[in-house]
Amino acid sequence: MSSQTFELLILGSSSASPTSERNPSAQLLNIAERFFLIDCGEATQIQLRKFKAKFQSIDHIFISHLHGDHFFGLPGLLSSMHLLGRKQDINIYCPKELKDIIDLINKFSDTRFNYKVNWIFTNDDGFNLIFEDDKVEVFSFPLKHRIFCTGFLFKEKPLLKKIDKYKLEKYNISNADIMLLKKGKNVINKDGELIKNELITFDSRKPRSYGYCSDTIFHEELTNYINNVDLLYHESTFLNDKKERAEMTFHSTAEQAAKIATQAKVKQLLLGHFSARYGNLEQFILEAKPIFDNCVLATDGKRISI
């Protein structure tokens, strides 16, 4: 059986001000052909077209907080979906005030979407399950920023066990019991004997995970929510030359992001949300690598498969 998709596309990697090469925050995560848009900075819909993403396949949008560089692209995206004839529901996970903003825009523009928006409001009171289907779970968790802000954790659900087909015949097991075996259950064979699951099956690969830490000051408690993730995105707005500025604005440096990755024992660190004052982004890698070696830059258009 081929492995199901788990791919992240970076649509925007800049902080408050975009540059000629970097748009504000936005990412598109594809897990088993479920498309999750994470934040939606200005011109996100243009980036989706530029990088040939499946525009109308997005059914879930996650907004971390209400600073403009994380949601100013949402009204335009929702409007374009409407103009393109979208009919299926869209689900938006966000601070509750975002609904008021979108409702006000629609009121004064006399807009009524062709589709239904389901609003799921986030909380900053701990680790909360906000989406679940048969393949994926998504959790929100609190970040420490100047305003209400949450991170998100995307996790594959445990995969079904694999069957040793040669042993089905050896232990005289009915094909009708295969799904029970895949779910880890013991079965009774055709001779009425109890057959232990471990005799017939072996584990599938470990489920994959992605942690998204949007705007936040250096905050060690984050490690409680992102331990051992395969890929961690952690904002690194500044380098250490602006460490005081980072603290004042409730942002992080590349070195601080690397410390979080090390403490959380993640497999790979993705640095992003770069201040427009920096042109050479390789400086961020040079600052982070001595603390956490496996780190990469979240530059616009980059695709990362887990």
Protein backbone atom coordinates (compact mmCIF):
# COMPACT_ATOMS: atom_id res chain seq x y z
CA MET A 1 0.00 0.00 0.00
CA SER A 2 1.46 3.40 -0.98
CA SER A 3 1.89 6.04 1.69
CA GLN A 4 -0.80 8.71 1.81
CA THR A 5 0.15 12.33 1.14
CA PHE A 6 1.48 14.56 3.91
CA GLU A 7 2.82 17.70 2.22
CA LEU A 8 3.20 21.31 3.30
CA LEU A 9 3.28 24.19 0.79
CA ILE A 10 4.56 27.56 2.00
CA LEU A 11 2.45 30.36 0.50
CA GLY A 12 3.85 33.22 2.57
CA SER A 13 6.83 33.59 4.89
CA SER A 14 7.11 37.30 5.71
CA SER A 15 6.07 39.00 8.92
CA ALA A 16 3.99 42.19 9.10
CA SER A 17 5.31 43.74 5.87
CA PRO A 18 5.56 41.73 2.64
CA THR A 19 8.60 42.03 0.38
CA SER A 20 9.04 41.50 -3.35
CA GLU A 21 9.95 37.86 -2.62
CA ARG A 22 7.94 37.06 0.51
CA ASN A 23 4.20 37.27 1.11
CA PRO A 24 2.62 37.41 4.59
CA SER A 25 1.86 34.21 6.50
CA ALA A 26 -0.04 31.41 4.78
CA GLN A 27 0.51 27.68 4.38
CA LEU A 28 -1.38 24.85 2.73
CA LEU A 29 -1.18 21.39 4.30
CA ASN A 30 -2.34 18.32 2.37
CA ILE A 31 -2.96 15.23 4.47
CA ALA A 32 -4.53 12.37 2.52
CA GLU A 33 -6.12 14.89 0.09
CA ARG A 34 -7.62 16.92 2.94
CA PHE A 35 -6.48 20.48 2.31
CA PHE A 36 -5.94 22.70 5.34
CA LEU A 37 -5.17 26.41 4.84
CA ILE A 38 -3.20 27.73 7.82
CA ASP A 39 -3.39 31.51 8.16
CA CYS A 40 -4.31 33.68 5.21
CA GLY A 41 -2.21 36.80 4.78
CA GLU A 42 -2.76 39.35 2.03
CA ALA A 43 -2.74 37.89 -1.53
CA THR A 44 -2.94 34.28 -0.36
CA GLN A 45 -5.34 33.48 -3.21
CA ILE A 46 -2.77 34.78 -5.71
CA GLN A 47 -0.13 32.55 -4.14
CA LEU A 48 -2.47 29.56 -4.36
CA ARG A 49 -2.78 30.14 -8.11
CA LYS A 50 0.91 30.86 -8.56
CA PHE A 51 1.93 27.58 -6.97
CA LYS A 52 -0.91 25.62 -8.66
CA ALA A 53 -2.66 24.58 -5.45
CA LYS A 54 -6.13 23.07 -5.47
CA PHE A 55 -8.02 26.28 -4.77
CA GLN A 56 -11.55 24.95 -4.32
CA SER A 57 -10.42 21.80 -2.51
CA ILE A 58 -9.80 23.79 0.66
CA ASP A 59 -12.56 22.96 3.13
CA HIS A 60 -10.79 23.99 6.35
CA ILE A 61 -9.15 27.33 7.17
CA PHE A 62 -7.24 27.93 10.42
CA ILE A 63 -6.52 31.50 11.56
CA SER A 64 -4.08 31.81 14.45
CA HIS A 65 -4.86 35.40 15.45
CA LEU A 66 -6.18 38.72 14.22
CA HIS A 67 -3.08 40.61 13.21
CA GLY A 68 -3.55 41.59 9.60
CA ASP A 69 -0.61 39.69 8.16
CA HIS A 70 -2.38 36.49 9.20
CA PHE A 71 -5.91 37.10 7.93
CA PHE A 72 -6.17 40.09 5.54
CA GLY A 73 -6.30 37.66 2.60
CA LEU A 74 -9.36 35.86 3.93
CA PRO A 75 -12.14 38.25 2.77
CA GLY A 76 -10.81 38.15 -0.79
CA LEU A 77 -10.37 34.39 -0.77
CA LEU A 78 -13.91 33.79 0.49
CA SER A 79 -15.26 36.24 -2.09
CA SER A 80 -13.42 34.49 -4.94
CA MET A 81 -14.72 31.11 -3.81
CA HIS A 82 -18.21 32.60 -3.96
CA LEU A 83 -17.69 34.15 -7.40
CA LEU A 84 -16.31 30.86 -8.72
CA GLY A 85 -19.54 29.12 -7.73
CA ARG A 86 -18.49 27.23 -4.66
CA LYS A 87 -21.36 25.27 -3.10
CA GLN A 88 -19.80 23.09 -0.43
CA ASP A 89 -19.45 24.31 3.16
CA ILE A 90 -16.23 25.81 4.39
CA ASN A 91 -15.06 25.50 8.00
CA ILE A 92 -13.13 28.34 9.64
CA TYR A 93 -11.32 27.81 12.94
CA CYS A 94 -10.45 31.17 14.45
CA PRO A 95 -10.87 33.77 17.20
CA LYS A 96 -14.56 34.56 17.57
CA GLU A 97 -14.15 38.20 16.52
CA LEU A 98 -13.25 37.15 12.98
CA LYS A 99 -16.88 36.25 12.26
CA ASP A 100 -17.90 39.82 13.14
CA ILE A 101 -15.29 41.20 10.73
CA ILE A 102 -16.43 39.01 7.82
CA ASP A 103 -20.11 39.65 8.58
CA LEU A 104 -19.50 43.41 8.56
CA ILE A 105 -17.68 43.28 5.23
CA ASN A 106 -20.49 41.23 3.71
CA LYS A 107 -23.11 43.58 5.16
CA PHE A 108 -21.66 46.73 3.61
CA SER A 109 -20.80 45.03 0.31
CA ASP A 110 -24.24 43.37 0.18
CA THR A 111 -22.62 39.95 -0.26
CA ARG A 112 -24.33 36.63 0.43
CA PHE A 113 -22.11 33.62 -0.13
CA ASN A 114 -23.38 30.72 -2.25
CA TYR A 115 -22.00 28.39 0.40
CA LYS A 116 -22.26 28.02 4.16
CA VAL A 117 -19.47 29.09 6.49
CA ASN A 118 -19.19 26.98 9.63
CA TRP A 119 -17.43 28.94 12.37
CA ILE A 120 -15.47 27.03 14.99
CA PHE A 121 -14.06 29.40 17.57
CA THR A 122 -10.70 28.68 19.16
CA ASN A 123 -9.82 29.00 22.84
CA ASP A 124 -6.54 29.61 24.61
CA ASP A 125 -7.34 27.51 27.68
CA GLY A 126 -5.22 24.48 26.76
CA PHE A 127 -4.97 21.68 24.25
CA ASN A 128 -8.27 21.40 22.36
CA LEU A 129 -9.45 19.02 19.64
CA ILE A 130 -11.07 21.23 16.98
CA PHE A 131 -11.32 18.89 13.98
CA GLU A 132 -11.44 15.15 13.49
CA ASP A 133 -12.28 12.70 10.73
CA ASP A 134 -11.23 9.12 9.96
CA LYS A 135 -7.71 10.18 8.90
CA VAL A 136 -6.74 13.35 10.77
CA GLU A 137 -6.99 15.13 14.11
CA VAL A 138 -6.31 18.85 14.59
CA PHE A 139 -5.71 20.49 17.96
CA SER A 140 -5.32 24.12 18.99
CA PHE A 141 -3.10 25.31 21.81
CA PRO A 142 -2.24 28.72 23.33
CA LEU A 143 0.65 30.85 22.16
CA LYS A 144 2.05 33.85 24.02
CA HIS A 145 1.61 36.91 21.83
CA ARG A 146 0.40 40.50 22.30
CA ILE A 147 -3.17 39.44 21.47
CA PHE A 148 -5.12 36.17 21.60
CA CYS A 149 -3.22 33.66 19.48
CA THR A 150 -3.21 29.89 19.05
CA GLY A 151 -0.99 27.33 17.42
CA PHE A 152 -2.22 24.19 15.69
CA LEU A 153 -1.16 20.55 15.75
CA PHE A 154 -2.08 18.31 12.80
CA LYS A 155 -1.81 14.57 13.40
CA GLU A 156 -2.53 11.51 11.32
CA LYS A 157 -4.66 8.98 13.14
CA PRO A 158 -3.00 5.61 13.88
CA LEU A 159 -2.92 3.53 10.73
CA LEU A 160 -4.45 0.09 10.39
CA LYS A 161 -2.18 -2.87 10.99
CA LYS A 162 -0.82 -4.77 8.01
CA ILE A 163 -1.70 -8.41 7.36
CA ASP A 164 0.73 -11.25 6.71
CA LYS A 165 -1.37 -12.88 3.97
CA TYR A 166 0.52 -16.17 4.12
CA LYS A 167 -0.51 -16.64 7.73
CA LEU A 168 -4.21 -16.21 6.98
CA GLU A 169 -4.19 -19.62 5.33
CA LYS A 170 -1.78 -21.12 7.89
CA TYR A 171 -4.11 -20.25 10.78
CA ASN A 172 -7.28 -20.96 8.77
CA ILE A 173 -8.72 -17.47 9.18
CA SER A 174 -11.80 -16.26 7.31
CA ASN A 175 -11.45 -13.30 4.96
CA ALA A 176 -14.41 -11.78 6.80
CA ASP A 177 -12.15 -11.24 9.82
CA ILE A 178 -9.44 -9.30 8.00
CA MET A 179 -10.75 -5.88 9.05
CA LEU A 180 -10.86 -6.98 12.70
CA LEU A 181 -7.20 -8.00 12.41
CA LYS A 182 -6.29 -4.67 10.82
CA LYS A 183 -7.90 -2.92 13.79
CA GLY A 184 -5.72 -4.92 16.19
CA LYS A 185 -8.35 -7.40 17.36
CA ASN A 186 -7.91 -11.09 18.07
CA VAL A 187 -10.14 -13.41 16.01
CA ILE A 188 -11.66 -16.88 16.13
CA ASN A 189 -10.57 -19.01 13.16
CA LYS A 190 -12.67 -21.48 11.18
CA ASP A 191 -11.73 -24.22 13.64
CA GLY A 192 -13.04 -22.23 16.61
CA GLU A 193 -9.55 -21.40 17.92
CA LEU A 194 -8.57 -18.00 19.31
CA ILE A 195 -5.81 -16.48 17.16
CA LYS A 196 -3.78 -13.65 18.68
CA ASN A 197 -3.51 -10.56 16.52
CA GLU A 198 0.28 -10.36 16.75
CA LEU A 199 0.59 -13.75 15.03
CA ILE A 200 -0.98 -12.40 11.83
CA THR A 201 -0.20 -8.68 11.72
CA PHE A 202 2.61 -6.16 11.91
CA ASP A 203 2.51 -2.44 12.59
CA SER A 204 2.18 0.14 9.85
CA ARG A 205 4.47 3.16 9.86
CA LYS A 206 4.18 5.68 12.67
CA PRO A 207 1.54 8.41 12.14
CA ARG A 208 3.01 11.75 11.07
CA SER A 209 2.49 15.15 12.69
CA TYR A 210 2.98 18.86 12.04
CA GLY A 211 3.10 21.60 14.65
CA TYR A 212 2.41 25.23 13.70
CA CYS A 213 3.59 27.91 16.12
CA SER A 214 2.52 31.25 14.76
CA ASP A 215 3.46 34.55 16.46
CA THR A 216 4.79 33.97 19.96
CA ILE A 217 7.43 35.13 22.38
CA PHE A 218 9.96 32.48 23.50
CA HIS A 219 7.73 30.28 25.64
CA GLU A 220 9.01 26.93 26.89
CA GLU A 221 5.54 25.67 27.81
CA LEU A 222 4.91 25.21 24.08
CA THR A 223 6.89 22.01 24.25
CA ASN A 224 3.97 20.39 26.11
CA TYR A 225 1.93 20.54 22.91
CA ILE A 226 4.46 19.80 20.17
CA ASN A 227 6.64 17.06 21.63
CA ASN A 228 8.15 14.71 19.03
CA VAL A 229 6.38 16.17 15.99
CA ASP A 230 7.88 15.28 12.63
CA LEU A 231 7.92 18.90 11.49
CA LEU A 232 7.67 22.05 13.60
CA TYR A 233 7.05 25.52 12.18
CA HIS A 234 8.12 28.14 14.70
CA GLU A 235 8.17 31.83 13.94
CA SER A 236 11.62 33.44 13.86
CA THR A 237 10.86 37.05 13.10
CA PHE A 238 14.25 38.31 14.26
CA LEU A 239 17.88 37.36 14.71
CA ASN A 240 19.69 37.83 17.99
CA ASP A 241 20.73 41.34 16.93
CA LYS A 242 17.09 42.29 17.60
CA LYS A 243 16.46 40.08 20.64
CA GLU A 244 15.16 43.00 22.72
CA ARG A 245 12.86 43.99 19.87
CA ALA A 246 11.57 40.40 19.71
CA GLU A 247 10.77 40.43 23.41
CA MET A 248 9.07 43.81 23.22
CA THR A 249 6.84 42.75 20.30
CA PHE A 250 6.21 39.21 21.61
CA HIS A 251 8.10 37.52 18.79
CA SER A 252 10.98 35.03 18.69
CA THR A 253 14.49 34.82 17.28
CA ALA A 254 15.90 31.97 15.21
CA GLU A 255 18.00 30.86 18.17
CA GLN A 256 14.93 30.77 20.43
CA ALA A 257 12.97 28.74 17.88
CA ALA A 258 15.86 26.27 17.77
CA LYS A 259 15.79 25.97 21.57
CA ILE A 260 12.08 25.10 21.47
CA ALA A 261 12.75 22.48 18.77
CA THR A 262 15.53 20.95 20.83
CA GLN A 263 13.50 20.83 24.03
CA ALA A 264 10.47 19.37 22.22
CA LYS A 265 12.63 16.73 20.50
CA VAL A 266 11.10 17.42 17.08
CA LYS A 267 12.54 15.86 13.93
CA GLN A 268 12.77 18.98 11.75
CA LEU A 269 12.41 22.73 12.34
CA LEU A 270 10.91 25.14 9.82
CA LEU A 271 11.82 28.80 10.37
CA GLY A 272 9.56 31.55 9.05
CA HIS A 273 7.72 34.86 9.59
CA PHE A 274 10.88 36.78 8.74
CA SER A 275 11.07 40.51 9.33
CA ALA A 276 11.32 42.50 6.08
CA ARG A 277 14.50 44.13 7.44
CA TYR A 278 16.43 40.94 6.62
CA GLY A 279 17.43 40.21 3.04
CA ASN A 280 19.82 37.29 3.51
CA LEU A 281 17.75 34.58 5.16
CA GLU A 282 20.70 32.20 5.45
CA GLN A 283 21.57 34.15 8.60
CA PHE A 284 18.59 32.47 10.27
CA ILE A 285 19.95 29.01 9.50
CA LEU A 286 23.41 29.99 10.74
CA GLU A 287 21.94 31.19 14.03
CA ALA A 288 19.69 28.16 14.59
CA LYS A 289 21.92 25.27 13.46
CA PRO A 290 24.37 25.25 16.39
CA ILE A 291 21.38 24.53 18.65
CA PHE A 292 19.18 22.44 16.34
CA ASP A 293 20.85 21.08 13.25
CA ASN A 294 17.92 19.89 11.14
CA CYS A 295 16.35 23.23 10.25
CA VAL A 296 15.16 24.76 6.97
CA LEU A 297 13.70 28.07 5.79
CA ALA A 298 9.98 28.46 5.10
CA THR A 299 10.42 30.39 1.86
CA ASP A 300 7.51 31.07 -0.48
CA GLY A 301 6.83 28.15 -2.82
CA LYS A 302 8.77 25.59 -0.79
CA ARG A 303 7.13 22.15 -0.54
CA ILE A 304 8.02 19.78 2.29
CA SER A 305 6.87 16.16 2.33
CA ILE A 306 6.90 14.16 5.55
